[in-house]
Amino acid sequence: MWAIAAEELTISENFFDKPVLDQYGHQLTFYQDLIKDKTVAINFIFTRCTASCPLSTAIFRQVQKKLGKQKIQLITITVDPVNDTPERLLEFSKAYHTEPGWAFVTGDKSTIAELLKSLGAYSADRNQHSNMVIVGNAAAKQWTRLYGFPQAEDVITALNAIAGVKQVK
């Protein structure tokens, strides 16, 4: 496991209550539909990436498999909304055999840019985006940003800490 840095984060209750689209083309309100009353893990990718994004997605798939029936919302936000349409995100998600409880998010370019900025994940060049993961629970007002390419166990440890689940060694 690689060493990662974690940083506490503050996200206000209505920090981003704007419409986005998931991989099925469903319009969602980011906070109300994806964040509110849930423990979540958020990562950032673009589907044309051939370097870190496939690995980041594979790590999230490991998280989903290892958590099994534990109620965690995984959210993957594109950093390339112009090219990453819902159809393209659906095709990308199917390649990783994702299951329910994982939303791939896109939308209008300016809306996604604003969302990325609000999460501290914006980069003008999609190729320079961060491999960080944000883990949190709005109701508990607990948020952590994991830097340094967090692995599945790092994400699960952070999720369990926020969800109040005791780690079994």
C-alpha atoms as a PDB file:
ATOM      1  CA  MET A   1       0.000   0.000   0.000  1.00  0.00           C
ATOM      2  CA  TRP A   2       1.358   3.419  -0.906  1.00  0.00           C
ATOM      3  CA  ALA A   3       1.522   6.163   1.656  1.00  0.00           C
ATOM      4  CA  ILE A   4      -1.188   8.696   1.113  1.00  0.00           C
ATOM      5  CA  ALA A   5      -1.838  12.094   2.575  1.00  0.00           C
ATOM      6  CA  ALA A   6      -5.265  12.912   3.934  1.00  0.00           C
ATOM      7  CA  GLU A   7      -6.787  16.311   4.517  1.00  0.00           C
ATOM      8  CA  GLU A   8     -10.010  17.142   6.331  1.00  0.00           C
ATOM      9  CA  LEU A   9     -12.453  18.964   4.121  1.00  0.00           C
ATOM     10  CA  THR A  10     -15.523  21.073   4.752  1.00  0.00           C
ATOM     11  CA  ILE A  11     -18.498  20.711   2.438  1.00  0.00           C
ATOM     12  CA  SER A  12     -21.578  22.757   3.227  1.00  0.00           C
ATOM     13  CA  GLU A  13     -25.026  21.225   3.043  1.00  0.00           C
ATOM     14  CA  ASN A  14     -25.995  22.912  -0.211  1.00  0.00           C
ATOM     15  CA  PHE A  15     -22.527  23.255  -1.658  1.00  0.00           C
ATOM     16  CA  PHE A  16     -23.525  22.046  -5.102  1.00  0.00           C
ATOM     17  CA  ASP A  17     -27.182  21.509  -5.707  1.00  0.00           C
ATOM     18  CA  LYS A  18     -27.121  21.732  -9.478  1.00  0.00           C
ATOM     19  CA  PRO A  19     -28.188  19.305 -12.194  1.00  0.00           C
ATOM     20  CA  VAL A  20     -25.787  16.719 -13.558  1.00  0.00           C
ATOM     21  CA  LEU A  21     -26.267  13.621 -15.703  1.00  0.00           C
ATOM     22  CA  ASP A  22     -25.359  10.053 -14.797  1.00  0.00           C
ATOM     23  CA  GLN A  23     -24.140   7.353 -17.187  1.00  0.00           C
ATOM     24  CA  TYR A  24     -27.749   6.429 -18.000  1.00  0.00           C
ATOM     25  CA  GLY A  25     -28.613   9.988 -19.039  1.00  0.00           C
ATOM     26  CA  HIS A  26     -30.732  10.555 -15.921  1.00  0.00           C
ATOM     27  CA  GLN A  27     -30.712  14.112 -14.651  1.00  0.00           C
ATOM     28  CA  LEU A  28     -29.731  14.217 -10.995  1.00  0.00           C
ATOM     29  CA  THR A  29     -29.208  16.989  -8.519  1.00  0.00           C
ATOM     30  CA  PHE A  30     -25.658  16.410  -7.331  1.00  0.00           C
ATOM     31  CA  TYR A  31     -26.138  17.011  -3.606  1.00  0.00           C
ATOM     32  CA  GLN A  32     -29.739  15.852  -3.170  1.00  0.00           C
ATOM     33  CA  ASP A  33     -29.460  12.673  -5.247  1.00  0.00           C
ATOM     34  CA  LEU A  34     -25.856  11.581  -4.764  1.00  0.00           C
ATOM     35  CA  ILE A  35     -24.520  13.032  -1.512  1.00  0.00           C
ATOM     36  CA  LYS A  36     -27.333  13.686   0.965  1.00  0.00           C
ATOM     37  CA  ASP A  37     -27.697  11.046   3.716  1.00  0.00           C
ATOM     38  CA  LYS A  38     -24.985   8.841   2.188  1.00  0.00           C
ATOM     39  CA  THR A  39     -21.397   7.903   2.812  1.00  0.00           C
ATOM     40  CA  VAL A  40     -19.631   8.546  -0.476  1.00  0.00           C
ATOM     41  CA  ALA A  41     -16.315   8.159  -2.253  1.00  0.00           C
ATOM     42  CA  ILE A  42     -15.631  10.451  -5.220  1.00  0.00           C
ATOM     43  CA  ASN A  43     -12.910  10.133  -7.844  1.00  0.00           C
ATOM     44  CA  PHE A  44     -12.139  12.000 -11.056  1.00  0.00           C
ATOM     45  CA  ILE A  45     -11.449  10.552 -14.517  1.00  0.00           C
ATOM     46  CA  PHE A  46     -11.885  11.040 -18.234  1.00  0.00           C
ATOM     47  CA  THR A  47     -12.666   8.161 -20.549  1.00  0.00           C
ATOM     48  CA  ARG A  48      -9.985   8.904 -23.173  1.00  0.00           C
ATOM     49  CA  CYS A  49      -7.257   8.709 -20.531  1.00  0.00           C
ATOM     50  CA  THR A  50      -4.775   5.875 -20.983  1.00  0.00           C
ATOM     51  CA  ALA A  51      -2.687   6.487 -17.869  1.00  0.00           C
ATOM     52  CA  SER A  52      -4.111   6.912 -14.364  1.00  0.00           C
ATOM     53  CA  CYS A  53      -7.869   6.950 -15.045  1.00  0.00           C
ATOM     54  CA  PRO A  54      -8.242   3.261 -15.935  1.00  0.00           C
ATOM     55  CA  LEU A  55      -6.236   2.376 -12.822  1.00  0.00           C
ATOM     56  CA  SER A  56      -8.274   4.736 -10.643  1.00  0.00           C
ATOM     57  CA  THR A  57     -11.481   3.181 -11.978  1.00  0.00           C
ATOM     58  CA  ALA A  58     -10.168  -0.345 -11.390  1.00  0.00           C
ATOM     59  CA  ILE A  59      -9.337   0.635  -7.804  1.00  0.00           C
ATOM     60  CA  PHE A  60     -12.890   1.927  -7.290  1.00  0.00           C
ATOM     61  CA  ARG A  61     -14.182  -1.364  -8.699  1.00  0.00           C
ATOM     62  CA  GLN A  62     -12.071  -3.200  -6.094  1.00  0.00           C
ATOM     63  CA  VAL A  63     -13.598  -0.953  -3.415  1.00  0.00           C
ATOM     64  CA  GLN A  64     -17.094  -1.798  -4.661  1.00  0.00           C
ATOM     65  CA  LYS A  65     -16.372  -5.542  -4.707  1.00  0.00           C
ATOM     66  CA  LYS A  66     -14.710  -5.592  -1.274  1.00  0.00           C
ATOM     67  CA  LEU A  67     -17.499  -3.576   0.353  1.00  0.00           C
ATOM     68  CA  GLY A  68     -20.150  -5.951  -0.948  1.00  0.00           C
ATOM     69  CA  LYS A  69     -23.530  -5.036   0.492  1.00  0.00           C
ATOM     70  CA  GLN A  70     -22.204  -2.160   2.620  1.00  0.00           C
ATOM     71  CA  LYS A  71     -24.144   0.954   1.581  1.00  0.00           C
ATOM     72  CA  ILE A  72     -21.589   3.277   0.020  1.00  0.00           C
ATOM     73  CA  GLN A  73     -22.234   5.598  -2.926  1.00  0.00           C
ATOM     74  CA  LEU A  74     -19.361   5.691  -5.394  1.00  0.00           C
ATOM     75  CA  ILE A  75     -19.219   8.760  -7.615  1.00  0.00           C
ATOM     76  CA  THR A  76     -16.908   9.209 -10.575  1.00  0.00           C
ATOM     77  CA  ILE A  77     -16.886  12.707 -12.028  1.00  0.00           C
ATOM     78  CA  THR A  78     -15.501  13.328 -15.503  1.00  0.00           C
ATOM     79  CA  VAL A  79     -12.959  16.081 -15.939  1.00  0.00           C
ATOM     80  CA  ASP A  80     -13.825  16.093 -19.678  1.00  0.00           C
ATOM     81  CA  PRO A  81     -17.589  16.719 -19.917  1.00  0.00           C
ATOM     82  CA  VAL A  82     -17.384  17.827 -23.543  1.00  0.00           C
ATOM     83  CA  ASN A  83     -16.340  14.343 -24.679  1.00  0.00           C
ATOM     84  CA  ASP A  84     -17.636  12.223 -21.801  1.00  0.00           C
ATOM     85  CA  THR A  85     -21.312  12.029 -22.641  1.00  0.00           C
ATOM     86  CA  PRO A  86     -23.627   9.760 -20.649  1.00  0.00           C
ATOM     87  CA  GLU A  87     -23.336   7.180 -23.439  1.00  0.00           C
ATOM     88  CA  ARG A  88     -19.549   7.234 -23.336  1.00  0.00           C
ATOM     89  CA  LEU A  89     -19.571   7.013 -19.521  1.00  0.00           C
ATOM     90  CA  LEU A  90     -21.975   4.053 -19.674  1.00  0.00           C
ATOM     91  CA  GLU A  91     -19.704   2.238 -22.110  1.00  0.00           C
ATOM     92  CA  PHE A  92     -16.704   3.022 -19.879  1.00  0.00           C
ATOM     93  CA  SER A  93     -18.505   1.852 -16.724  1.00  0.00           C
ATOM     94  CA  LYS A  94     -19.588  -1.406 -18.371  1.00  0.00           C
ATOM     95  CA  ALA A  95     -15.951  -2.180 -19.190  1.00  0.00           C
ATOM     96  CA  TYR A  96     -15.329  -2.271 -15.417  1.00  0.00           C
ATOM     97  CA  HIS A  97     -18.424  -4.346 -14.597  1.00  0.00           C
ATOM     98  CA  THR A  98     -19.723  -1.686 -12.237  1.00  0.00           C
ATOM     99  CA  GLU A  99     -22.766  -2.397 -10.119  1.00  0.00           C
ATOM    100  CA  PRO A 100     -25.628  -0.249  -8.782  1.00  0.00           C
ATOM    101  CA  GLY A 101     -24.477   2.350  -6.277  1.00  0.00           C
ATOM    102  CA  TRP A 102     -21.849   3.834  -8.580  1.00  0.00           C
ATOM    103  CA  ALA A 103     -22.719   6.981 -10.531  1.00  0.00           C
ATOM    104  CA  PHE A 104     -20.568   8.325 -13.355  1.00  0.00           C
ATOM    105  CA  VAL A 105     -21.280  12.060 -13.556  1.00  0.00           C
ATOM    106  CA  THR A 106     -21.106  14.481 -16.463  1.00  0.00           C
ATOM    107  CA  GLY A 107     -23.034  17.552 -17.555  1.00  0.00           C
ATOM    108  CA  ASP A 108     -22.703  20.979 -19.038  1.00  0.00           C
ATOM    109  CA  LYS A 109     -19.036  22.028 -19.261  1.00  0.00           C
ATOM    110  CA  SER A 110     -19.461  25.098 -17.038  1.00  0.00           C
ATOM    111  CA  THR A 111     -21.506  23.170 -14.450  1.00  0.00           C
ATOM    112  CA  ILE A 112     -18.915  20.393 -14.207  1.00  0.00           C
ATOM    113  CA  ALA A 113     -16.094  22.974 -14.011  1.00  0.00           C
ATOM    114  CA  GLU A 114     -17.925  24.662 -11.135  1.00  0.00           C
ATOM    115  CA  LEU A 115     -18.474  21.301  -9.417  1.00  0.00           C
ATOM    116  CA  LEU A 116     -14.798  20.377  -9.794  1.00  0.00           C
ATOM    117  CA  LYS A 117     -13.759  23.782  -8.423  1.00  0.00           C
ATOM    118  CA  SER A 118     -16.079  23.392  -5.427  1.00  0.00           C
ATOM    119  CA  LEU A 119     -14.394  20.058  -4.659  1.00  0.00           C
ATOM    120  CA  GLY A 120     -10.872  21.403  -5.177  1.00  0.00           C
ATOM    121  CA  ALA A 121     -10.409  19.107  -8.161  1.00  0.00           C
ATOM    122  CA  TYR A 122     -10.441  21.500 -11.107  1.00  0.00           C
ATOM    123  CA  SER A 123      -7.599  21.562 -13.624  1.00  0.00           C
ATOM    124  CA  ALA A 124      -7.679  23.544 -16.850  1.00  0.00           C
ATOM    125  CA  ASP A 125      -5.885  20.634 -18.540  1.00  0.00           C
ATOM    126  CA  ARG A 126      -7.702  17.320 -18.093  1.00  0.00           C
ATOM    127  CA  ASN A 127      -4.376  15.492 -18.369  1.00  0.00           C
ATOM    128  CA  GLN A 128      -3.178  17.282 -15.234  1.00  0.00           C
ATOM    129  CA  HIS A 129      -6.153  16.409 -13.021  1.00  0.00           C
ATOM    130  CA  SER A 130      -5.530  15.018  -9.554  1.00  0.00           C
ATOM    131  CA  ASN A 131      -5.825  11.346  -8.638  1.00  0.00           C
ATOM    132  CA  MET A 132      -7.269  12.252  -5.267  1.00  0.00           C
ATOM    133  CA  VAL A 133     -10.330  10.639  -3.761  1.00  0.00           C
ATOM    134  CA  ILE A 134     -12.844  12.484  -1.607  1.00  0.00           C
ATOM    135  CA  VAL A 135     -14.585  10.437   1.071  1.00  0.00           C
ATOM    136  CA  GLY A 136     -17.368  11.784   3.226  1.00  0.00           C
ATOM    137  CA  ASN A 137     -20.765  11.855   4.802  1.00  0.00           C
ATOM    138  CA  ALA A 138     -22.782  15.071   4.680  1.00  0.00           C
ATOM    139  CA  ALA A 139     -25.057  14.206   7.614  1.00  0.00           C
ATOM    140  CA  ALA A 140     -22.038  13.506   9.836  1.00  0.00           C
ATOM    141  CA  LYS A 141     -20.267  16.582   8.410  1.00  0.00           C
ATOM    142  CA  GLN A 142     -17.133  14.490   7.918  1.00  0.00           C
ATOM    143  CA  TRP A 143     -15.086  14.800   4.756  1.00  0.00           C
ATOM    144  CA  THR A 144     -11.557  13.731   3.900  1.00  0.00           C
ATOM    145  CA  ARG A 145      -9.518  14.225   0.770  1.00  0.00           C
ATOM    146  CA  LEU A 146      -7.011  11.434   0.060  1.00  0.00           C
ATOM    147  CA  TYR A 147      -3.990  12.385  -2.044  1.00  0.00           C
ATOM    148  CA  GLY A 148      -1.217  10.381  -3.654  1.00  0.00           C
ATOM    149  CA  PHE A 149      -3.184   7.803  -5.649  1.00  0.00           C
ATOM    150  CA  PRO A 150      -5.114   6.055  -2.887  1.00  0.00           C
ATOM    151  CA  GLN A 151      -5.479   2.297  -3.215  1.00  0.00           C
ATOM    152  CA  ALA A 152      -8.641   0.291  -2.479  1.00  0.00           C
ATOM    153  CA  GLU A 153      -7.645  -0.406   1.141  1.00  0.00           C
ATOM    154  CA  ASP A 154      -6.925   3.304   1.738  1.00  0.00           C
ATOM    155  CA  VAL A 155     -10.362   4.262   0.428  1.00  0.00           C
ATOM    156  CA  ILE A 156     -12.104   1.502   2.419  1.00  0.00           C
ATOM    157  CA  THR A 157     -10.295   2.507   5.614  1.00  0.00           C
ATOM    158  CA  ALA A 158     -11.391   6.135   5.145  1.00  0.00           C
ATOM    159  CA  LEU A 159     -14.970   5.100   4.293  1.00  0.00           C
ATOM    160  CA  ASN A 160     -15.200   2.845   7.334  1.00  0.00           C
ATOM    161  CA  ALA A 161     -13.813   5.560   9.606  1.00  0.00           C
ATOM    162  CA  ILE A 162     -16.434   8.015   8.396  1.00  0.00           C
ATOM    163  CA  ALA A 163     -19.233   5.432   8.489  1.00  0.00           C
ATOM    164  CA  GLY A 164     -18.196   4.397  12.018  1.00  0.00           C
ATOM    165  CA  VAL A 165     -17.412   0.811  11.030  1.00  0.00           C
ATOM    166  CA  LYS A 166     -14.802  -0.952  13.135  1.00  0.00           C
ATOM    167  CA  GLN A 167     -11.901  -2.321  11.100  1.00  0.00           C
ATOM    168  CA  VAL A 168     -11.359  -6.060  11.237  1.00  0.00           C
ATOM    169  CA  LYS A 169      -7.705  -7.041  10.946  1.00  0.00           C
END
